């Protein structure tokens, strides 16, 4: 009888240690998943901010390009007027 009681005691001790360790492993895994998801979210937010800044820069570049085209068209008209004047004089 003593051998049977000893076997039950060591088995009960094993279960007593395994259950809390299993719970700690599960809590650790859940924490790791939460931290990884949080980091992924922060990276996504940073990418969104960078993309918004890039869009603003692209819109500004397009506006500047349109201004330059308008200015170039005016200069072309002036050059054509000067060329016509030189033809009339020459």
Protein backbone atom coordinates (compact mmCIF):
# COMPACT_ATOMS: atom_id res chain seq x y z
CA UNK A 1 0.00 0.00 0.00
CA UNK A 2 2.83 2.32 0.71
CA UNK A 3 4.11 2.02 -2.87
CA UNK A 4 0.69 2.88 -4.32
CA UNK A 5 0.32 5.95 -2.13
CA UNK A 6 3.78 7.13 -3.13
CA UNK A 7 2.94 6.76 -6.81
CA UNK A 8 -0.23 8.79 -6.39
CA UNK A 9 1.62 11.47 -4.49
CA UNK A 10 4.30 11.95 -7.15
CA UNK A 11 1.65 11.89 -9.88
CA UNK A 12 -0.42 14.46 -8.01
CA UNK A 13 2.66 16.64 -7.56
CA UNK A 14 3.37 16.40 -11.29
CA UNK A 15 -0.17 17.50 -12.12
CA UNK A 16 0.09 20.23 -9.50
CA UNK A 17 3.17 21.63 -11.26
CA UNK A 18 2.05 21.02 -14.84
CA UNK A 19 -1.24 22.91 -14.66
CA UNK A 20 0.23 26.22 -13.41
CA UNK A 21 3.10 25.92 -15.90
CA UNK A 22 0.61 25.31 -18.70
CA UNK A 23 -1.39 28.34 -17.65
CA UNK A 24 1.79 30.45 -17.59
CA UNK A 25 2.75 29.23 -21.07
CA UNK A 26 -0.70 30.14 -22.40
CA UNK A 27 -0.55 33.59 -20.78
CA UNK A 28 2.93 34.11 -22.22
CA UNK A 29 1.77 33.10 -25.71
CA UNK A 30 -1.23 35.42 -25.55
CA UNK A 31 1.02 38.26 -24.37
CA UNK A 32 3.45 37.60 -27.22
CA UNK A 33 0.63 37.68 -29.78
CA UNK A 34 -0.72 40.94 -28.34
CA UNK A 35 2.71 42.58 -28.38
CA UNK A 36 3.38 41.43 -31.95
CA UNK A 37 -0.01 42.73 -33.09
CA UNK A 38 0.60 46.06 -31.38
CA UNK A 39 3.97 46.46 -33.11
CA UNK A 40 2.39 45.59 -36.45
CA UNK A 41 -0.32 48.20 -35.84
CA UNK A 42 2.28 50.85 -34.98
CA UNK A 43 4.23 50.05 -38.16
CA UNK A 44 1.02 50.33 -40.20
CA UNK A 45 0.24 53.71 -38.62
CA UNK A 46 3.75 54.96 -39.40
CA UNK A 47 3.37 53.81 -43.01
CA UNK A 48 0.03 55.63 -43.25
CA UNK A 49 1.59 58.86 -41.98
CA UNK A 50 4.47 58.54 -44.43
CA UNK A 51 2.04 57.86 -47.29
CA UNK A 52 -0.02 60.95 -46.38
CA UNK A 53 3.13 63.08 -46.40
CA UNK A 54 4.11 61.60 -49.77
CA UNK A 55 0.67 62.38 -51.22
CA UNK A 56 0.89 65.97 -50.02
CA UNK A 57 4.34 66.28 -51.58
CA UNK A 58 3.08 64.81 -54.87
CA UNK A 59 0.13 67.23 -54.95
CA UNK A 60 2.48 70.14 -54.31
CA UNK A 61 4.79 68.96 -57.10
CA UNK A 62 1.88 68.77 -59.54
CA UNK A 63 0.75 72.29 -58.60
CA UNK A 64 4.29 73.62 -59.07
CA UNK A 65 4.56 71.88 -62.43
CA UNK A 66 1.33 73.47 -63.61
CA UNK A 67 2.61 76.90 -62.55
CA UNK A 68 5.84 76.30 -64.46
CA UNK A 69 3.94 75.27 -67.59
CA UNK A 70 1.87 78.44 -67.43
CA UNK A 71 4.98 80.55 -66.99
CA UNK A 72 6.73 78.74 -69.83
CA UNK A 73 3.76 79.36 -72.13
CA UNK A 74 3.94 83.09 -71.35
CA UNK A 75 7.68 83.15 -72.04
CA UNK A 76 7.14 81.30 -75.32
CA UNK A 77 4.65 83.98 -76.38
CA UNK A 78 7.16 86.71 -75.54
CA UNK A 79 9.93 84.96 -77.48
CA UNK A 80 7.65 84.55 -80.48
CA UNK A 81 6.77 88.24 -80.31
CA UNK A 82 10.46 89.18 -80.21
CA UNK A 83 11.22 86.84 -83.15
CA UNK A 84 8.40 88.40 -85.15
CA UNK A 85 9.73 91.87 -84.33
CA UNK A 86 13.22 90.85 -85.49
CA UNK A 87 11.76 89.50 -88.75
CA UNK A 88 9.86 92.71 -89.34
CA UNK A 89 12.96 94.85 -88.69
CA UNK A 90 15.45 92.60 -90.46
